Amino acid sequence: MSKGTGFRRVWPAAIVVGLVLAPRASLAQDLAGGNSGAVSFELGVDWTSAYFFRGFLQEDGGSILQPAAEVGFEFISGDRVSLSATLGTWNSFHARRTGASATDPFVRSWYESDLYAGLEAGFGGWTLGTQYITYAYPNGAVSSIDEIAISLAWDDSSLWPDGFALNPWVLYAVETRDRGGPENSYLEAGLSLSHAWDVGERSAFSIDVPFVVGASVKDYYVTAAGKEDTIGFVDVGLDVGYGIPVPARFGGWSLSAGMHYLSLGDAARDLNDGHGSAFIGRIGLSLSY
């Protein structure tokens, strides 16, 4: 994993991007009742106190804004079988202009711009997904990386009282092209204890307690001494969401906030100035239609 090397010996801060690839409840999406078609849209922006990517610190100072946009296509929709596709982008803007080599003032703050395309097939409570992602860095801080990820998630809400779920998932990702170093591979497993309440005709409140472990499959977490470290990080968090009660014709709006604690393995600690843990706070706003 060479993301981040080249502009600093020790990377400055990163959390799992809110897990673009992992299952994630969206109150805005659930409340977007004005759209009954097969094409959906989601826009969102997060402010975060630090940006870690799979335990590797990217930035932890100054303002960090992370806007995203996604369009979804629903080909098959049913209780037992479903098929859908997504196209999206996720970005990170840093006031500190992390590692920038570009000269344009706007581009110098545009640290990361990811593009992804995915396909998901649902069978009963199981969802099998695959995504192709390009991690690009407009400000020139890091060389771009292409990756393929495969995920399997289980909706276990039917086993619990109404409104509860654990939503376990596993994800495997392999780099297909790393322009800054060798291609490596990564494994992730997690679950999120969740509960949601309706608080009105067009509003809801949710609480999620995620637990995520990231591991190296092939040279993803390597210490400064050159030794492969199996466990890269453990992430435990508390996320809350509130569905804003607006008319359905305006789409589904939601506010969210979260606090996460990261415990880092030896390799991630080496690239985090020797610090073995971090707290990350986040506030977000999203719109789905």
C-alpha atoms as a PDB file:
ATOM      1  CA  MET A   1       0.000   0.000   0.000  1.00  0.00           C
ATOM      2  CA  SER A   2       1.862   3.106  -1.205  1.00  0.00           C
ATOM      3  CA  LYS A   3      -0.870   5.707  -0.858  1.00  0.00           C
ATOM      4  CA  GLY A   4       0.618   8.688   0.929  1.00  0.00           C
ATOM      5  CA  THR A   5       4.306   7.960   0.454  1.00  0.00           C
ATOM      6  CA  GLY A   6       6.282  10.516  -1.488  1.00  0.00           C
ATOM      7  CA  PHE A   7       5.127  13.720   0.198  1.00  0.00           C
ATOM      8  CA  ARG A   8       5.833  12.776   3.817  1.00  0.00           C
ATOM      9  CA  ARG A   9       7.683   9.976   5.524  1.00  0.00           C
ATOM     10  CA  VAL A  10       4.820   9.813   8.019  1.00  0.00           C
ATOM     11  CA  TRP A  11       1.312  10.216   6.669  1.00  0.00           C
ATOM     12  CA  PRO A  12      -0.797  12.901   8.293  1.00  0.00           C
ATOM     13  CA  ALA A  13      -4.269  11.207   9.172  1.00  0.00           C
ATOM     14  CA  ALA A  14      -7.116   8.937   7.594  1.00  0.00           C
ATOM     15  CA  ILE A  15     -10.417   7.027   8.679  1.00  0.00           C
ATOM     16  CA  VAL A  16     -12.210   4.601   6.469  1.00  0.00           C
ATOM     17  CA  VAL A  17     -13.882   7.255   4.302  1.00  0.00           C
ATOM     18  CA  GLY A  18     -17.136   6.454   5.971  1.00  0.00           C
ATOM     19  CA  LEU A  19     -16.811   3.154   4.193  1.00  0.00           C
ATOM     20  CA  VAL A  20     -17.903   3.937   0.680  1.00  0.00           C
ATOM     21  CA  LEU A  21     -17.946   0.202  -0.026  1.00  0.00           C
ATOM     22  CA  ALA A  22     -19.508  -1.060   3.191  1.00  0.00           C
ATOM     23  CA  PRO A  23     -23.223  -1.260   3.944  1.00  0.00           C
ATOM     24  CA  ARG A  24     -24.358   2.061   5.412  1.00  0.00           C
ATOM     25  CA  ALA A  25     -27.881   3.086   6.444  1.00  0.00           C
ATOM     26  CA  SER A  26     -29.111   6.340   4.882  1.00  0.00           C
ATOM     27  CA  LEU A  27     -32.088   8.049   6.476  1.00  0.00           C
ATOM     28  CA  ALA A  28     -32.262  10.445   3.559  1.00  0.00           C
ATOM     29  CA  GLN A  29     -32.535   7.517   1.160  1.00  0.00           C
ATOM     30  CA  ASP A  30     -35.227   5.869   3.275  1.00  0.00           C
ATOM     31  CA  LEU A  31     -37.268   9.092   3.324  1.00  0.00           C
ATOM     32  CA  ALA A  32     -36.941   9.916  -0.390  1.00  0.00           C
ATOM     33  CA  GLY A  33     -40.549   8.989  -1.056  1.00  0.00           C
ATOM     34  CA  GLY A  34     -41.028  11.433  -3.918  1.00  0.00           C
ATOM     35  CA  ASN A  35     -39.050   9.291  -6.357  1.00  0.00           C
ATOM     36  CA  SER A  36     -40.776   6.093  -7.510  1.00  0.00           C
ATOM     37  CA  GLY A  37     -38.543   5.512 -10.540  1.00  0.00           C
ATOM     38  CA  ALA A  38     -35.606   3.189 -11.167  1.00  0.00           C
ATOM     39  CA  VAL A  39     -33.004   5.974 -11.017  1.00  0.00           C
ATOM     40  CA  SER A  40     -32.045   7.605  -7.727  1.00  0.00           C
ATOM     41  CA  PHE A  41     -29.596  10.319  -6.680  1.00  0.00           C
ATOM     42  CA  GLU A  42     -27.748  11.038  -3.464  1.00  0.00           C
ATOM     43  CA  LEU A  43     -25.700  14.111  -2.554  1.00  0.00           C
ATOM     44  CA  GLY A  44     -23.861  14.666   0.697  1.00  0.00           C
ATOM     45  CA  VAL A  45     -21.095  16.550   2.449  1.00  0.00           C
ATOM     46  CA  ASP A  46     -19.230  15.738   5.662  1.00  0.00           C
ATOM     47  CA  TRP A  47     -16.997  17.810   7.877  1.00  0.00           C
ATOM     48  CA  THR A  48     -14.499  15.635   9.728  1.00  0.00           C
ATOM     49  CA  SER A  49     -11.864  16.395  12.331  1.00  0.00           C
ATOM     50  CA  ALA A  50      -9.384  13.980  10.695  1.00  0.00           C
ATOM     51  CA  TYR A  51      -9.263  11.847   7.579  1.00  0.00           C
ATOM     52  CA  PHE A  52      -7.949   8.309   7.975  1.00  0.00           C
ATOM     53  CA  PHE A  53      -8.087   5.771   5.148  1.00  0.00           C
ATOM     54  CA  ARG A  54      -8.112   2.192   6.427  1.00  0.00           C
ATOM     55  CA  GLY A  55      -6.095   3.276   9.450  1.00  0.00           C
ATOM     56  CA  PHE A  56      -3.614   5.399   7.471  1.00  0.00           C
ATOM     57  CA  LEU A  57      -3.572   9.071   8.420  1.00  0.00           C
ATOM     58  CA  GLN A  58      -4.062  11.501   5.526  1.00  0.00           C
ATOM     59  CA  GLU A  59      -4.789  14.788   7.359  1.00  0.00           C
ATOM     60  CA  ASP A  60      -5.745  15.828  10.868  1.00  0.00           C
ATOM     61  CA  GLY A  61      -5.395  19.619  10.839  1.00  0.00           C
ATOM     62  CA  GLY A  62      -7.426  22.527   9.464  1.00  0.00           C
ATOM     63  CA  SER A  63     -10.847  22.222   7.874  1.00  0.00           C
ATOM     64  CA  ILE A  64     -11.586  18.953   6.038  1.00  0.00           C
ATOM     65  CA  LEU A  65     -14.711  18.868   3.841  1.00  0.00           C
ATOM     66  CA  GLN A  66     -15.732  15.691   2.015  1.00  0.00           C
ATOM     67  CA  PRO A  67     -18.510  16.079  -0.588  1.00  0.00           C
ATOM     68  CA  ALA A  68     -19.918  13.075  -2.457  1.00  0.00           C
ATOM     69  CA  ALA A  69     -22.460  12.323  -5.172  1.00  0.00           C
ATOM     70  CA  GLU A  70     -23.966   9.038  -6.363  1.00  0.00           C
ATOM     71  CA  VAL A  71     -26.513   7.915  -8.922  1.00  0.00           C
ATOM     72  CA  GLY A  72     -28.209   4.528  -8.565  1.00  0.00           C
ATOM     73  CA  PHE A  73     -29.953   2.314 -11.130  1.00  0.00           C
ATOM     74  CA  GLU A  74     -32.440  -0.334  -9.972  1.00  0.00           C
ATOM     75  CA  PHE A  75     -32.816  -3.115 -12.539  1.00  0.00           C
ATOM     76  CA  ILE A  76     -34.638  -5.719 -10.439  1.00  0.00           C
ATOM     77  CA  SER A  77     -36.503  -4.996  -7.224  1.00  0.00           C
ATOM     78  CA  GLY A  78     -38.098  -7.741  -5.162  1.00  0.00           C
ATOM     79  CA  ASP A  79     -38.303  -9.200  -1.689  1.00  0.00           C
ATOM     80  CA  ARG A  80     -35.993 -12.107  -2.579  1.00  0.00           C
ATOM     81  CA  VAL A  81     -34.004 -10.970  -5.629  1.00  0.00           C
ATOM     82  CA  SER A  82     -32.646  -7.542  -6.544  1.00  0.00           C
ATOM     83  CA  LEU A  83     -30.062  -6.103  -8.904  1.00  0.00           C
ATOM     84  CA  SER A  84     -28.748  -2.538  -8.944  1.00  0.00           C
ATOM     85  CA  ALA A  85     -25.785  -0.459 -10.098  1.00  0.00           C
ATOM     86  CA  THR A  86     -24.142   2.725  -8.832  1.00  0.00           C
ATOM     87  CA  LEU A  87     -21.871   5.435 -10.210  1.00  0.00           C
ATOM     88  CA  GLY A  88     -20.356   7.916  -7.830  1.00  0.00           C
ATOM     89  CA  THR A  89     -17.606  10.227  -6.691  1.00  0.00           C
ATOM     90  CA  TRP A  90     -16.153  11.016  -3.270  1.00  0.00           C
ATOM     91  CA  ASN A  91     -13.813  13.939  -2.576  1.00  0.00           C
ATOM     92  CA  SER A  92     -11.712  15.430   0.209  1.00  0.00           C
ATOM     93  CA  PHE A  93     -10.772  19.132   0.404  1.00  0.00           C
ATOM     94  CA  HIS A  94      -8.142  20.186   2.943  1.00  0.00           C
ATOM     95  CA  ALA A  95      -7.493  23.724   4.153  1.00  0.00           C
ATOM     96  CA  ARG A  96      -3.904  22.665   4.866  1.00  0.00           C
ATOM     97  CA  ARG A  97      -3.400  21.727   1.177  1.00  0.00           C
ATOM     98  CA  THR A  98      -1.953  18.375   2.217  1.00  0.00           C
ATOM     99  CA  GLY A  99       1.219  17.530   0.264  1.00  0.00           C
ATOM    100  CA  ALA A 100       0.186  19.749  -2.667  1.00  0.00           C
ATOM    101  CA  SER A 101       2.471  20.159  -5.667  1.00  0.00           C
ATOM    102  CA  ALA A 102      -0.142  21.865  -7.888  1.00  0.00           C
ATOM    103  CA  THR A 103       0.008  25.652  -8.260  1.00  0.00           C
ATOM    104  CA  ASP A 104      -3.680  26.556  -8.681  1.00  0.00           C
ATOM    105  CA  PRO A 105      -5.069  27.715  -5.277  1.00  0.00           C
ATOM    106  CA  PHE A 106      -8.301  25.694  -5.609  1.00  0.00           C
ATOM    107  CA  VAL A 107      -6.622  22.510  -6.836  1.00  0.00           C
ATOM    108  CA  ARG A 108      -4.009  22.727  -4.050  1.00  0.00           C
ATOM    109  CA  SER A 109      -6.824  22.156  -1.520  1.00  0.00           C
ATOM    110  CA  TRP A 110      -8.398  19.314  -3.550  1.00  0.00           C
ATOM    111  CA  TYR A 111      -6.506  16.428  -1.996  1.00  0.00           C
ATOM    112  CA  GLU A 112      -8.532  13.435  -3.201  1.00  0.00           C
ATOM    113  CA  SER A 113     -11.159  12.671  -5.840  1.00  0.00           C
ATOM    114  CA  ASP A 114     -12.391   9.080  -6.068  1.00  0.00           C
ATOM    115  CA  LEU A 115     -14.526   7.710  -8.897  1.00  0.00           C
ATOM    116  CA  TYR A 116     -16.320   4.386  -8.563  1.00  0.00           C
ATOM    117  CA  ALA A 117     -18.779   2.109 -10.336  1.00  0.00           C
ATOM    118  CA  GLY A 118     -20.506  -0.788  -8.646  1.00  0.00           C
ATOM    119  CA  LEU A 119     -22.956  -3.624  -9.120  1.00  0.00           C
ATOM    120  CA  GLU A 120     -24.993  -5.241  -6.317  1.00  0.00           C
ATOM    121  CA  ALA A 121     -27.094  -8.409  -6.361  1.00  0.00           C
ATOM    122  CA  GLY A 122     -29.443  -9.231  -3.493  1.00  0.00           C
ATOM    123  CA  PHE A 123     -30.638 -12.736  -2.568  1.00  0.00           C
ATOM    124  CA  GLY A 124     -32.974 -12.803   0.398  1.00  0.00           C
ATOM    125  CA  GLY A 125     -31.101 -10.985   3.153  1.00  0.00           C
ATOM    126  CA  TRP A 126     -27.694 -11.282   1.448  1.00  0.00           C
ATOM    127  CA  THR A 127     -26.092  -8.690  -0.817  1.00  0.00           C
ATOM    128  CA  LEU A 128     -23.080  -9.438  -3.015  1.00  0.00           C
ATOM    129  CA  GLY A 129     -21.386  -6.345  -4.396  1.00  0.00           C
ATOM    130  CA  THR A 130     -18.406  -5.471  -6.567  1.00  0.00           C
ATOM    131  CA  GLN A 131     -16.873  -2.070  -7.238  1.00  0.00           C
ATOM    132  CA  TYR A 132     -14.102  -0.608  -9.349  1.00  0.00           C
ATOM    133  CA  ILE A 133     -12.549   2.466  -7.761  1.00  0.00           C
ATOM    134  CA  THR A 134      -9.966   4.993  -8.909  1.00  0.00           C
ATOM    135  CA  TYR A 135      -8.335   6.953  -6.089  1.00  0.00           C
ATOM    136  CA  ALA A 136      -7.018  10.162  -7.689  1.00  0.00           C
ATOM    137  CA  TYR A 137      -5.202  13.123  -6.099  1.00  0.00           C
ATOM    138  CA  PRO A 138      -5.750  16.363  -8.038  1.00  0.00           C
ATOM    139  CA  ASN A 139      -3.276  18.398  -5.967  1.00  0.00           C
ATOM    140  CA  GLY A 140      -0.458  15.992  -6.842  1.00  0.00           C
ATOM    141  CA  ALA A 141       0.245  14.797  -3.294  1.00  0.00           C
ATOM    142  CA  VAL A 142      -0.015  11.079  -4.117  1.00  0.00           C
ATOM    143  CA  SER A 143       0.061   8.867  -7.202  1.00  0.00           C
ATOM    144  CA  SER A 144      -3.342   7.468  -8.215  1.00  0.00           C
ATOM    145  CA  ILE A 145      -4.423   3.908  -7.426  1.00  0.00           C
ATOM    146  CA  ASP A 146      -7.017   1.645  -9.092  1.00  0.00           C
ATOM    147  CA  GLU A 147      -8.751  -1.042  -7.062  1.00  0.00           C
ATOM    148  CA  ILE A 148     -11.387  -3.763  -7.355  1.00  0.00           C
ATOM    149  CA  ALA A 149     -13.410  -4.592  -4.239  1.00  0.00           C
ATOM    150  CA  ILE A 150     -15.850  -7.420  -3.542  1.00  0.00           C
ATOM    151  CA  SER A 151     -18.193  -7.284  -0.550  1.00  0.00           C
ATOM    152  CA  LEU A 152     -20.758  -9.570   1.050  1.00  0.00           C
ATOM    153  CA  ALA A 153     -23.319  -8.175   3.506  1.00  0.00           C
ATOM    154  CA  TRP A 154     -26.149  -9.738   5.479  1.00  0.00           C
ATOM    155  CA  ASP A 155     -29.309  -7.965   6.567  1.00  0.00           C
ATOM    156  CA  ASP A 156     -30.070  -9.799   9.797  1.00  0.00           C
ATOM    157  CA  SER A 157     -32.880  -7.481  10.955  1.00  0.00           C
ATOM    158  CA  SER A 158     -35.417 -10.327  10.719  1.00  0.00           C
ATOM    159  CA  LEU A 159     -33.687 -12.067  13.645  1.00  0.00           C
ATOM    160  CA  TRP A 160     -34.106  -9.147  16.036  1.00  0.00           C
ATOM    161  CA  PRO A 161     -36.941  -7.072  17.499  1.00  0.00           C
ATOM    162  CA  ASP A 162     -38.292  -4.371  15.196  1.00  0.00           C
ATOM    163  CA  GLY A 163     -35.753  -1.700  14.390  1.00  0.00           C
ATOM    164  CA  PHE A 164     -32.616  -3.614  15.471  1.00  0.00           C
ATOM    165  CA  ALA A 165     -29.889  -5.155  13.294  1.00  0.00           C
ATOM    166  CA  LEU A 166     -26.190  -6.052  13.304  1.00  0.00           C
ATOM    167  CA  ASN A 167     -25.652  -5.878   9.503  1.00  0.00           C
ATOM    168  CA  PRO A 168     -22.349  -7.834   9.327  1.00  0.00           C
ATOM    169  CA  TRP A 169     -20.195  -7.543   6.224  1.00  0.00           C
ATOM    170  CA  VAL A 170     -16.851  -8.616   4.800  1.00  0.00           C
ATOM    171  CA  LEU A 171     -14.884  -6.881   2.041  1.00  0.00           C
ATOM    172  CA  TYR A 172     -11.849  -7.883  -0.018  1.00  0.00           C
ATOM    173  CA  ALA A 173      -9.999  -5.277  -2.094  1.00  0.00           C
ATOM    174  CA  VAL A 174      -7.060  -5.719  -4.473  1.00  0.00           C
ATOM    175  CA  GLU A 175      -5.135  -2.974  -6.230  1.00  0.00           C
ATOM    176  CA  THR A 176      -5.073  -3.465  -9.990  1.00  0.00           C
ATOM    177  CA  ARG A 177      -2.716  -0.549 -10.626  1.00  0.00           C
ATOM    178  CA  ASP A 178      -0.643   1.486  -8.200  1.00  0.00           C
ATOM    179  CA  ARG A 179       1.259   4.269  -9.953  1.00  0.00           C
ATOM    180  CA  GLY A 180       3.367   4.884  -6.852  1.00  0.00           C
ATOM    181  CA  GLY A 181       4.415   1.349  -5.911  1.00  0.00           C
ATOM    182  CA  PRO A 182       3.517  -2.367  -5.946  1.00  0.00           C
ATOM    183  CA  GLU A 183      -0.091  -3.607  -5.960  1.00  0.00           C
ATOM    184  CA  ASN A 184      -1.331  -4.896  -2.594  1.00  0.00           C
ATOM    185  CA  SER A 185      -4.541  -6.408  -1.196  1.00  0.00           C
ATOM    186  CA  TYR A 186      -6.738  -5.764   1.836  1.00  0.00           C
ATOM    187  CA  LEU A 187      -9.425  -7.529   3.887  1.00  0.00           C
ATOM    188  CA  GLU A 188     -12.065  -5.929   6.091  1.00  0.00           C
ATOM    189  CA  ALA A 189     -14.797  -7.289   8.341  1.00  0.00           C
ATOM    190  CA  GLY A 190     -17.340  -5.405  10.380  1.00  0.00           C
ATOM    191  CA  LEU A 191     -20.788  -5.076  11.824  1.00  0.00           C
ATOM    192  CA  SER A 192     -22.957  -2.208  12.982  1.00  0.00           C
ATOM    193  CA  LEU A 193     -25.419  -2.567  15.827  1.00  0.00           C
ATOM    194  CA  SER A 194     -28.256  -0.286  14.748  1.00  0.00           C
ATOM    195  CA  HIS A 195     -31.722   0.840  15.698  1.00  0.00           C
ATOM    196  CA  ALA A 196     -34.114   3.299  14.045  1.00  0.00           C
ATOM    197  CA  TRP A 197     -37.257   5.021  15.281  1.00  0.00           C
ATOM    198  CA  ASP A 198     -39.982   6.839  13.389  1.00  0.00           C
ATOM    199  CA  VAL A 199     -40.482  10.244  14.999  1.00  0.00           C
ATOM    200  CA  GLY A 200     -43.135  11.556  12.633  1.00  0.00           C
ATOM    201  CA  GLU A 201     -44.724  11.013   9.242  1.00  0.00           C
ATOM    202  CA  ARG A 202     -41.613  12.226   7.402  1.00  0.00           C
ATOM    203  CA  SER A 203     -38.911  11.908  10.032  1.00  0.00           C
ATOM    204  CA  ALA A 204     -36.810   9.244  11.727  1.00  0.00           C
ATOM    205  CA  PHE A 205     -33.930   8.909  14.161  1.00  0.00           C
ATOM    206  CA  SER A 206     -31.204   6.267  14.051  1.00  0.00           C
ATOM    207  CA  ILE A 207     -28.255   5.112  16.153  1.00  0.00           C
ATOM    208  CA  ASP A 208     -25.431   2.929  14.814  1.00  0.00           C
ATOM    209  CA  VAL A 209     -22.495   1.436  16.714  1.00  0.00           C
ATOM    210  CA  PRO A 210     -20.053   0.118  14.087  1.00  0.00           C
ATOM    211  CA  PHE A 211     -17.108  -2.196  14.754  1.00  0.00           C
ATOM    212  CA  VAL A 212     -14.589  -2.612  11.903  1.00  0.00           C
ATOM    213  CA  VAL A 213     -11.295  -4.496  11.575  1.00  0.00           C
ATOM    214  CA  GLY A 214      -8.910  -3.948   8.658  1.00  0.00           C
ATOM    215  CA  ALA A 215      -6.234  -6.530   7.794  1.00  0.00           C
ATOM    216  CA  SER A 216      -3.444  -7.095   5.313  1.00  0.00           C
ATOM    217  CA  VAL A 217      -3.736  -9.910   2.773  1.00  0.00           C
ATOM    218  CA  LYS A 218      -0.611  -9.015   0.795  1.00  0.00           C
ATOM    219  CA  ASP A 219       1.804  -6.294   1.961  1.00  0.00           C
ATOM    220  CA  TYR A 220      -0.942  -3.798   2.754  1.00  0.00           C
ATOM    221  CA  TYR A 221       0.329  -2.986   6.257  1.00  0.00           C
ATOM    222  CA  VAL A 222       4.135  -3.003   6.413  1.00  0.00           C
ATOM    223  CA  THR A 223       6.106  -1.556   9.340  1.00  0.00           C
ATOM    224  CA  ALA A 224       9.049   0.819   9.015  1.00  0.00           C
ATOM    225  CA  ALA A 225      11.289  -2.219   9.594  1.00  0.00           C
ATOM    226  CA  GLY A 226       9.761  -3.966   6.555  1.00  0.00           C
ATOM    227  CA  LYS A 227       7.657  -6.501   8.478  1.00  0.00           C
ATOM    228  CA  GLU A 228       4.093  -7.217   7.374  1.00  0.00           C
ATOM    229  CA  ASP A 229       1.529  -6.383  10.054  1.00  0.00           C
ATOM    230  CA  THR A 230      -1.644  -8.473   9.819  1.00  0.00           C
ATOM    231  CA  ILE A 231      -4.063  -6.157  11.670  1.00  0.00           C
ATOM    232  CA  GLY A 232      -3.985  -2.588  10.431  1.00  0.00           C
ATOM    233  CA  PHE A 233      -6.642  -0.985  12.592  1.00  0.00           C
ATOM    234  CA  VAL A 234      -9.738  -1.469  14.721  1.00  0.00           C
ATOM    235  CA  ASP A 235     -12.510   1.155  14.469  1.00  0.00           C
ATOM    236  CA  VAL A 236     -15.316   1.505  17.027  1.00  0.00           C
ATOM    237  CA  GLY A 237     -17.830   4.312  16.617  1.00  0.00           C
ATOM    238  CA  LEU A 238     -21.136   5.882  17.491  1.00  0.00           C
ATOM    239  CA  ASP A 239     -23.163   7.417  14.640  1.00  0.00           C
ATOM    240  CA  VAL A 240     -26.541   9.126  14.899  1.00  0.00           C
ATOM    241  CA  GLY A 241     -28.856  10.300  12.118  1.00  0.00           C
ATOM    242  CA  TYR A 242     -31.966  12.448  11.953  1.00  0.00           C
ATOM    243  CA  GLY A 243     -34.354  12.575   8.994  1.00  0.00           C
ATOM    244  CA  ILE A 244     -35.418  16.172   8.437  1.00  0.00           C
ATOM    245  CA  PRO A 245     -39.244  16.325   7.993  1.00  0.00           C
ATOM    246  CA  VAL A 246     -39.634  18.010   4.596  1.00  0.00           C
ATOM    247  CA  PRO A 247     -42.293  17.263   1.920  1.00  0.00           C
ATOM    248  CA  ALA A 248     -41.519  14.195  -0.204  1.00  0.00           C
ATOM    249  CA  ARG A 249     -41.357  16.239  -3.419  1.00  0.00           C
ATOM    250  CA  PHE A 250     -38.135  17.840  -2.100  1.00  0.00           C
ATOM    251  CA  GLY A 251     -36.466  14.460  -1.573  1.00  0.00           C
ATOM    252  CA  GLY A 252     -35.157  12.997   1.658  1.00  0.00           C
ATOM    253  CA  TRP A 253     -32.888  15.176   3.798  1.00  0.00           C
ATOM    254  CA  SER A 254     -30.932  14.007   6.828  1.00  0.00           C
ATOM    255  CA  LEU A 255     -28.387  15.242   9.341  1.00  0.00           C
ATOM    256  CA  SER A 256     -25.787  12.912  10.820  1.00  0.00           C
ATOM    257  CA  ALA A 257     -22.982  13.030  13.364  1.00  0.00           C
ATOM    258  CA  GLY A 258     -20.493  10.540  14.666  1.00  0.00           C
ATOM    259  CA  MET A 259     -17.493   9.908  16.878  1.00  0.00           C
ATOM    260  CA  HIS A 260     -15.017   7.099  16.144  1.00  0.00           C
ATOM    261  CA  TYR A 261     -12.068   5.653  18.032  1.00  0.00           C
ATOM    262  CA  LEU A 262      -9.248   4.086  16.024  1.00  0.00           C
ATOM    263  CA  SER A 263      -6.728   1.668  17.463  1.00  0.00           C
ATOM    264  CA  LEU A 264      -3.821   1.317  15.040  1.00  0.00           C
ATOM    265  CA  GLY A 265      -1.521  -1.606  14.339  1.00  0.00           C
ATOM    266  CA  ASP A 266       2.266  -1.285  14.200  1.00  0.00           C
ATOM    267  CA  ALA A 267       2.417  -0.325  10.511  1.00  0.00           C
ATOM    268  CA  ALA A 268      -0.277   2.358  10.761  1.00  0.00           C
ATOM    269  CA  ARG A 269       1.319   3.615  13.984  1.00  0.00           C
ATOM    270  CA  ASP A 270       4.681   4.019  12.211  1.00  0.00           C
ATOM    271  CA  LEU A 271       2.984   6.267   9.662  1.00  0.00           C
ATOM    272  CA  ASN A 272       1.102   8.229  12.334  1.00  0.00           C
ATOM    273  CA  ASP A 273       4.093   9.797  14.129  1.00  0.00           C
ATOM    274  CA  GLY A 274       4.136   6.819  16.501  1.00  0.00           C
ATOM    275  CA  HIS A 275       0.635   7.480  17.824  1.00  0.00           C
ATOM    276  CA  GLY A 276      -1.326   4.268  18.273  1.00  0.00           C
ATOM    277  CA  SER A 277      -4.852   5.649  18.457  1.00  0.00           C
ATOM    278  CA  ALA A 278      -7.048   8.538  17.379  1.00  0.00           C
ATOM    279  CA  PHE A 279     -10.504  10.023  17.924  1.00  0.00           C
ATOM    280  CA  ILE A 280     -12.376  11.331  14.859  1.00  0.00           C
ATOM    281  CA  GLY A 281     -15.534  13.437  14.879  1.00  0.00           C
ATOM    282  CA  ARG A 282     -17.859  13.958  11.920  1.00  0.00           C
ATOM    283  CA  ILE A 283     -20.948  16.035  11.006  1.00  0.00           C
ATOM    284  CA  GLY A 284     -22.837  15.516   7.736  1.00  0.00           C
ATOM    285  CA  LEU A 285     -25.796  16.587   5.608  1.00  0.00           C
ATOM    286  CA  SER A 286     -27.276  14.474   2.795  1.00  0.00           C
ATOM    287  CA  LEU A 287     -30.062  14.560   0.206  1.00  0.00           C
ATOM    288  CA  SER A 288     -31.544  11.574  -1.605  1.00  0.00           C
ATOM    289  CA  TYR A 289     -34.122  11.468  -4.375  1.00  0.00           C
END
